PDB file of N, CA and C in Angstrom:
ATOM      1  N   ARG A   1      59.655  84.495  39.464  1.00  0.00           N
ATOM      2  CA  ARG A   1      58.240  84.624  39.172  1.00  0.00           C
ATOM      3  C   ARG A   1      57.646  85.844  39.855  1.00  0.00           C
ATOM      4  N   TYR A   2      58.137  86.176  41.022  1.00  0.00           N
ATOM      5  CA  TYR A   2      57.624  87.345  41.734  1.00  0.00           C
ATOM      6  C   TYR A   2      57.976  88.627  40.985  1.00  0.00           C
ATOM      7  N   VAL A   3      59.193  88.696  40.497  1.00  0.00           N
ATOM      8  CA  VAL A   3      59.665  89.895  39.795  1.00  0.00           C
ATOM      9  C   VAL A   3      58.901  90.091  38.491  1.00  0.00           C
ATOM     10  N   VAL A   4      58.535  88.986  37.856  1.00  0.00           N
ATOM     11  CA  VAL A   4      57.813  89.065  36.585  1.00  0.00           C
ATOM     12  C   VAL A   4      56.460  89.744  36.771  1.00  0.00           C
ATOM     13  N   VAL A   5      55.869  89.599  37.934  1.00  0.00           N
ATOM     14  CA  VAL A   5      54.552  90.189  38.188  1.00  0.00           C
ATOM     15  C   VAL A   5      54.667  91.581  38.810  1.00  0.00           C
ATOM     16  N   ILE A   6      55.604  91.772  39.716  1.00  0.00           N
ATOM     17  CA  ILE A   6      55.635  93.036  40.471  1.00  0.00           C
ATOM     18  C   ILE A   6      56.077  94.231  39.626  1.00  0.00           C
ATOM     19  N   ILE A   7      56.995  94.038  38.724  1.00  0.00           N
ATOM     20  CA  ILE A   7      57.474  95.178  37.927  1.00  0.00           C
ATOM     21  C   ILE A   7      56.366  95.741  37.039  1.00  0.00           C
ATOM     22  N   PRO A   8      55.663  94.908  36.261  1.00  0.00           N
ATOM     23  CA  PRO A   8      54.554  95.479  35.474  1.00  0.00           C
ATOM     24  C   PRO A   8      53.428  96.037  36.349  1.00  0.00           C
ATOM     25  N   ALA A   9      53.133  95.354  37.471  1.00  0.00           N
ATOM     26  CA  ALA A   9      52.069  95.845  38.354  1.00  0.00           C
ATOM     27  C   ALA A   9      52.439  97.197  38.949  1.00  0.00           C
ATOM     28  N   ALA A  10      53.667  97.338  39.399  1.00  0.00           N
ATOM     29  CA  ALA A  10      54.107  98.620  39.967  1.00  0.00           C
ATOM     30  C   ALA A  10      54.089  99.715  38.911  1.00  0.00           C
ATOM     31  N   PHE A  11      54.505  99.375  37.718  1.00  0.00           N
ATOM     32  CA  PHE A  11      54.508 100.370  36.641  1.00  0.00           C
ATOM     33  C   PHE A  11      53.088 100.828  36.317  1.00  0.00           C
ATOM     34  N   LEU A  12      52.191  99.864  36.119  1.00  0.00           N
ATOM     35  CA  LEU A  12      50.812 100.222  35.766  1.00  0.00           C
ATOM     36  C   LEU A  12      50.100 100.967  36.889  1.00  0.00           C
ATOM     37  N   LEU A  13      50.244 100.471  38.103  1.00  0.00           N
ATOM     38  CA  LEU A  13      49.553 101.124  39.216  1.00  0.00           C
ATOM     39  C   LEU A  13      50.133 102.498  39.530  1.00  0.00           C
ATOM     40  N   SER A  14      51.423 102.698  39.272  1.00  0.00           N
ATOM     41  CA  SER A  14      52.004 104.026  39.507  1.00  0.00           C
ATOM     42  C   SER A  14      51.441 105.055  38.531  1.00  0.00           C
ATOM     43  N   ARG A  15      51.057 104.597  37.355  1.00  0.00           N
ATOM     44  CA  ARG A  15      50.455 105.511  36.369  1.00  0.00           C
ATOM     45  C   ARG A  15      49.105 106.036  36.845  1.00  0.00           C
ATOM     46  N   PHE A  16      48.337 105.145  37.515  1.00  0.00           N
ATOM     47  CA  PHE A  16      46.984 105.522  37.934  1.00  0.00           C
ATOM     48  C   PHE A  16      46.925 106.084  39.352  1.00  0.00           C
ATOM     49  N   LEU A  17      47.758 105.544  40.252  1.00  0.00           N
ATOM     50  CA  LEU A  17      47.651 105.912  41.660  1.00  0.00           C
ATOM     51  C   LEU A  17      48.897 106.577  42.234  1.00  0.00           C
ATOM     52  N   GLY A  18      49.921 106.732  41.437  1.00  0.00           N
ATOM     53  CA  GLY A  18      51.151 107.350  41.927  1.00  0.00           C
ATOM     54  C   GLY A  18      51.917 106.413  42.851  1.00  0.00           C
ATOM     55  N   ALA A  19      52.513 106.989  43.893  1.00  0.00           N
ATOM     56  CA  ALA A  19      53.326 106.205  44.829  1.00  0.00           C
ATOM     57  C   ALA A  19      52.490 105.177  45.585  1.00  0.00           C
ATOM     58  N   VAL A  20      51.242 105.493  45.842  1.00  0.00           N
ATOM     59  CA  VAL A  20      50.355 104.545  46.526  1.00  0.00           C
ATOM     60  C   VAL A  20      50.170 103.294  45.671  1.00  0.00           C
ATOM     61  N   GLY A  21      50.111 103.461  44.372  1.00  0.00           N
ATOM     62  CA  GLY A  21      49.981 102.324  43.466  1.00  0.00           C
ATOM     63  C   GLY A  21      51.173 101.398  43.515  1.00  0.00           C
ATOM     64  N   VAL A  22      52.360 101.968  43.679  1.00  0.00           N
ATOM     65  CA  VAL A  22      53.569 101.140  43.794  1.00  0.00           C
ATOM     66  C   VAL A  22      53.493 100.298  45.059  1.00  0.00           C
ATOM     67  N   TRP A  23      53.079 100.899  46.164  1.00  0.00           N
ATOM     68  CA  TRP A  23      52.958 100.138  47.409  1.00  0.00           C
ATOM     69  C   TRP A  23      51.855  99.090  47.309  1.00  0.00           C
ATOM     70  N   ASN A  24      50.765  99.401  46.652  1.00  0.00           N
ATOM     71  CA  ASN A  24      49.699  98.414  46.479  1.00  0.00           C
ATOM     72  C   ASN A  24      50.127  97.272  45.572  1.00  0.00           C
ATOM     73  N   ALA A  25      51.065  97.516  44.697  1.00  0.00           N
ATOM     74  CA  ALA A  25      51.553  96.461  43.805  1.00  0.00           C
ATOM     75  C   ALA A  25      52.162  95.310  44.588  1.00  0.00           C
ATOM     76  N   PHE A  26      52.745  95.597  45.747  1.00  0.00           N
ATOM     77  CA  PHE A  26      53.361  94.540  46.547  1.00  0.00           C
ATOM     78  C   PHE A  26      52.330  93.523  47.023  1.00  0.00           C
ATOM     79  N   TRP A  27      51.250  93.976  47.656  1.00  0.00           N
ATOM     80  CA  TRP A  27      50.284  93.009  48.166  1.00  0.00           C
ATOM     81  C   TRP A  27      49.475  92.375  47.036  1.00  0.00           C
ATOM     82  N   ILE A  28      49.228  93.128  45.978  1.00  0.00           N
ATOM     83  CA  ILE A  28      48.516  92.554  44.831  1.00  0.00           C
ATOM     84  C   ILE A  28      49.352  91.449  44.198  1.00  0.00           C
ATOM     85  N   THR A  29      50.653  91.668  44.100  1.00  0.00           N
ATOM     86  CA  THR A  29      51.551  90.655  43.552  1.00  0.00           C
ATOM     87  C   THR A  29      51.591  89.426  44.441  1.00  0.00           C
ATOM     88  N   GLU A  30      51.575  89.620  45.751  1.00  0.00           N
ATOM     89  CA  GLU A  30      51.553  88.481  46.679  1.00  0.00           C
ATOM     90  C   GLU A  30      50.301  87.637  46.459  1.00  0.00           C
ATOM     91  N   VAL A  31      49.166  88.279  46.287  1.00  0.00           N
ATOM     92  CA  VAL A  31      47.909  87.557  46.069  1.00  0.00           C
ATOM     93  C   VAL A  31      47.957  86.794  44.750  1.00  0.00           C
ATOM     94  N   ILE A  32      48.416  87.441  43.694  1.00  0.00           N
ATOM     95  CA  ILE A  32      48.497  86.791  42.381  1.00  0.00           C
ATOM     96  C   ILE A  32      49.453  85.605  42.430  1.00  0.00           C
ATOM     97  N   THR A  33      50.602  85.777  43.060  1.00  0.00           N
ATOM     98  CA  THR A  33      51.580  84.701  43.168  1.00  0.00           C
ATOM     99  C   THR A  33      51.024  83.542  43.990  1.00  0.00           C
ATOM    100  N   ALA A  34      50.298  83.832  45.057  1.00  0.00           N
ATOM    101  CA  ALA A  34      49.699  82.781  45.879  1.00  0.00           C
ATOM    102  C   ALA A  34      48.660  81.997  45.089  1.00  0.00           C
ATOM    103  N   ILE A  35      47.841  82.679  44.319  1.00  0.00           N
ATOM    104  CA  ILE A  35      46.819  82.006  43.511  1.00  0.00           C
ATOM    105  C   ILE A  35      47.471  81.096  42.479  1.00  0.00           C
ATOM    106  N   ILE A  36      48.499  81.580  41.816  1.00  0.00           N
ATOM    107  CA  ILE A  36      49.203  80.767  40.820  1.00  0.00           C
ATOM    108  C   ILE A  36      49.862  79.565  41.487  1.00  0.00           C
ATOM    109  N   SER A  37      50.461  79.764  42.651  1.00  0.00           N
ATOM    110  CA  SER A  37      51.119  78.669  43.363  1.00  0.00           C
ATOM    111  C   SER A  37      50.119  77.605  43.790  1.00  0.00           C
ATOM    112  N   ILE A  38      48.972  78.019  44.285  1.00  0.00           N
ATOM    113  CA  ILE A  38      47.933  77.060  44.682  1.00  0.00           C
ATOM    114  C   ILE A  38      47.447  76.280  43.473  1.00  0.00           C
ATOM    115  N   TYR A  39      47.258  76.941  42.354  1.00  0.00           N
ATOM    116  CA  TYR A  39      46.822  76.270  41.129  1.00  0.00           C
ATOM    117  C   TYR A  39      47.838  75.218  40.687  1.00  0.00           C
ATOM    118  N   VAL A  40      49.108  75.584  40.658  1.00  0.00           N
ATOM    119  CA  VAL A  40      50.154  74.648  40.230  1.00  0.00           C
ATOM    120  C   VAL A  40      50.262  73.489  41.212  1.00  0.00           C
ATOM    121  N   TYR A  41      50.164  73.769  42.504  1.00  0.00           N
ATOM    122  CA  TYR A  41      50.235  72.731  43.526  1.00  0.00           C
ATOM    123  C   TYR A  41      49.092  71.736  43.372  1.00  0.00           C
ATOM    124  N   ARG A  42      47.879  72.235  43.215  1.00  0.00           N
ATOM    125  CA  ARG A  42      46.726  71.334  43.060  1.00  0.00           C
ATOM    126  C   ARG A  42      46.821  70.513  41.786  1.00  0.00           C
ATOM    127  N   LYS A  43      47.329  71.101  40.735  1.00  0.00           N
ATOM    128  CA  LYS A  43      47.488  70.375  39.481  1.00  0.00           C
ATOM    129  C   LYS A  43      48.522  69.260  39.640  1.00  0.00           C
ATOM    130  N   ALA A  44      49.588  69.520  40.380  1.00  0.00           N
ATOM    131  CA  ALA A  44      50.628  68.506  40.609  1.00  0.00           C
ATOM    132  C   ALA A  44      50.114  67.391  41.508  1.00  0.00           C
ATOM    133  N   ILE A  45      49.292  67.715  42.492  1.00  0.00           N
ATOM    134  CA  ILE A  45      48.739  66.707  43.392  1.00  0.00           C
ATOM    135  C   ILE A  45      47.719  65.837  42.663  1.00  0.00           C
ATOM    136  N   ALA A  46      46.967  66.411  41.747  1.00  0.00           N
ATOM    137  CA  ALA A  46      45.931  65.667  41.027  1.00  0.00           C
ATOM    138  C   ALA A  46      46.521  64.615  40.098  1.00  0.00           C
ATOM    139  N   ARG A  47      47.743  64.824  39.642  1.00  0.00           N
ATOM    140  CA  ARG A  47      48.377  63.888  38.722  1.00  0.00           C
ATOM    141  C   ARG A  47      49.009  62.758  39.528  1.00  0.00           C
ATOM    142  N   PRO A  48      48.614  61.515  39.276  1.00  0.00           N
ATOM    143  CA  PRO A  48      49.222  60.405  40.028  1.00  0.00           C
ATOM    144  C   PRO A  48      50.681  60.209  39.630  1.00  0.00           C
ATOM    145  N   ALA A  49      51.499  59.955  40.610  1.00  0.00           N
ATOM    146  CA  ALA A  49      52.925  59.745  40.360  1.00  0.00           C
ATOM    147  C   ALA A  49      53.170  58.298  39.943  1.00  0.00           C
ATOM    148  N   GLU A  50      54.150  58.108  39.079  1.00  0.00           N
ATOM    149  CA  GLU A  50      54.530  56.756  38.693  1.00  0.00           C
ATOM    150  C   GLU A  50      55.380  56.153  39.796  1.00  0.00           C
ATOM    151  N   PRO A  51      55.154  54.888  40.112  1.00  0.00           N
ATOM    152  CA  PRO A  51      55.994  54.248  41.121  1.00  0.00           C
ATOM    153  C   PRO A  51      57.452  54.185  40.661  1.00  0.00           C
ATOM    154  N   VAL A  52      58.361  54.347  41.581  1.00  0.00           N
ATOM    155  CA  VAL A  52      59.788  54.348  41.259  1.00  0.00           C
ATOM    156  C   VAL A  52      60.216  52.980  40.753  1.00  0.00           C
ATOM    157  N   ASN A  53      59.663  51.916  41.299  1.00  0.00           N
ATOM    158  CA  ASN A  53      60.048  50.564  40.893  1.00  0.00           C
ATOM    159  C   ASN A  53      59.761  50.315  39.420  1.00  0.00           C
ATOM    160  N   ASP A  54      58.647  50.827  38.907  1.00  0.00           N
ATOM    161  CA  ASP A  54      58.326  50.641  37.495  1.00  0.00           C
ATOM    162  C   ASP A  54      59.348  51.339  36.606  1.00  0.00           C
ATOM    163  N   LYS A  55      59.791  52.502  37.001  1.00  0.00           N
ATOM    164  CA  LYS A  55      60.803  53.213  36.221  1.00  0.00           C
ATOM    165  C   LYS A  55      62.124  52.460  36.248  1.00  0.00           C
ATOM    166  N   MET A  56      62.475  51.907  37.400  1.00  0.00           N
ATOM    167  CA  MET A  56      63.730  51.166  37.526  1.00  0.00           C
ATOM    168  C   MET A  56      63.688  49.896  36.680  1.00  0.00           C
ATOM    169  N   ASN A  57      62.558  49.197  36.695  1.00  0.00           N
ATOM    170  CA  ASN A  57      62.434  47.969  35.907  1.00  0.00           C
ATOM    171  C   ASN A  57      62.494  48.267  34.413  1.00  0.00           C
ATOM    172  N   ALA A  58      61.855  49.338  33.987  1.00  0.00           N
ATOM    173  CA  ALA A  58      61.867  49.699  32.569  1.00  0.00           C
ATOM    174  C   ALA A  58      63.275  50.077  32.127  1.00  0.00           C
ATOM    175  N   ALA A  59      64.013  50.760  32.962  1.00  0.00           N
ATOM    176  CA  ALA A  59      65.380  51.154  32.612  1.00  0.00           C
ATOM    177  C   ALA A  59      66.304  49.949  32.545  1.00  0.00           C
ATOM    178  N   SER A  60      66.109  48.980  33.425  1.00  0.00           N
ATOM    179  CA  SER A  60      66.988  47.804  33.417  1.00  0.00           C
ATOM    180  C   SER A  60      66.686  46.898  32.226  1.00  0.00           C
ATOM    181  N   ARG A  61      65.476  46.920  31.716  1.00  0.00           N
ATOM    182  CA  ARG A  61      65.125  46.097  30.546  1.00  0.00           C
ATOM    183  C   ARG A  61      65.748  46.642  29.275  1.00  0.00           C
ATOM    184  N   ARG A  62      65.988  47.936  29.217  1.00  0.00           N
ATOM    185  CA  ARG A  62      66.543  48.543  28.004  1.00  0.00           C
ATOM    186  C   ARG A  62      68.013  48.210  27.805  1.00  0.00           C
ATOM    187  N   ARG A  63      68.685  47.820  28.822  1.00  0.00           N
ATOM    188  CA  ARG A  63      70.133  47.565  28.710  1.00  0.00           C
ATOM    189  C   ARG A  63      70.415  46.332  27.987  1.00  0.00           C
TER     190      ARG A  63
END
């Protein structure tokens, strides 16, 4: 996921800012990756997990 963001960011920023843009792509990518990670984490926490016992009981009934 990091590589997916840093390569396009480095390419685009190098066009506008040269070598400085490539170096700025690193911290910009870190910020973008952190924001995406926080979003995914909060979304996973908001969803209630199913109890393991219910899954086990449902699987044993199918047999």
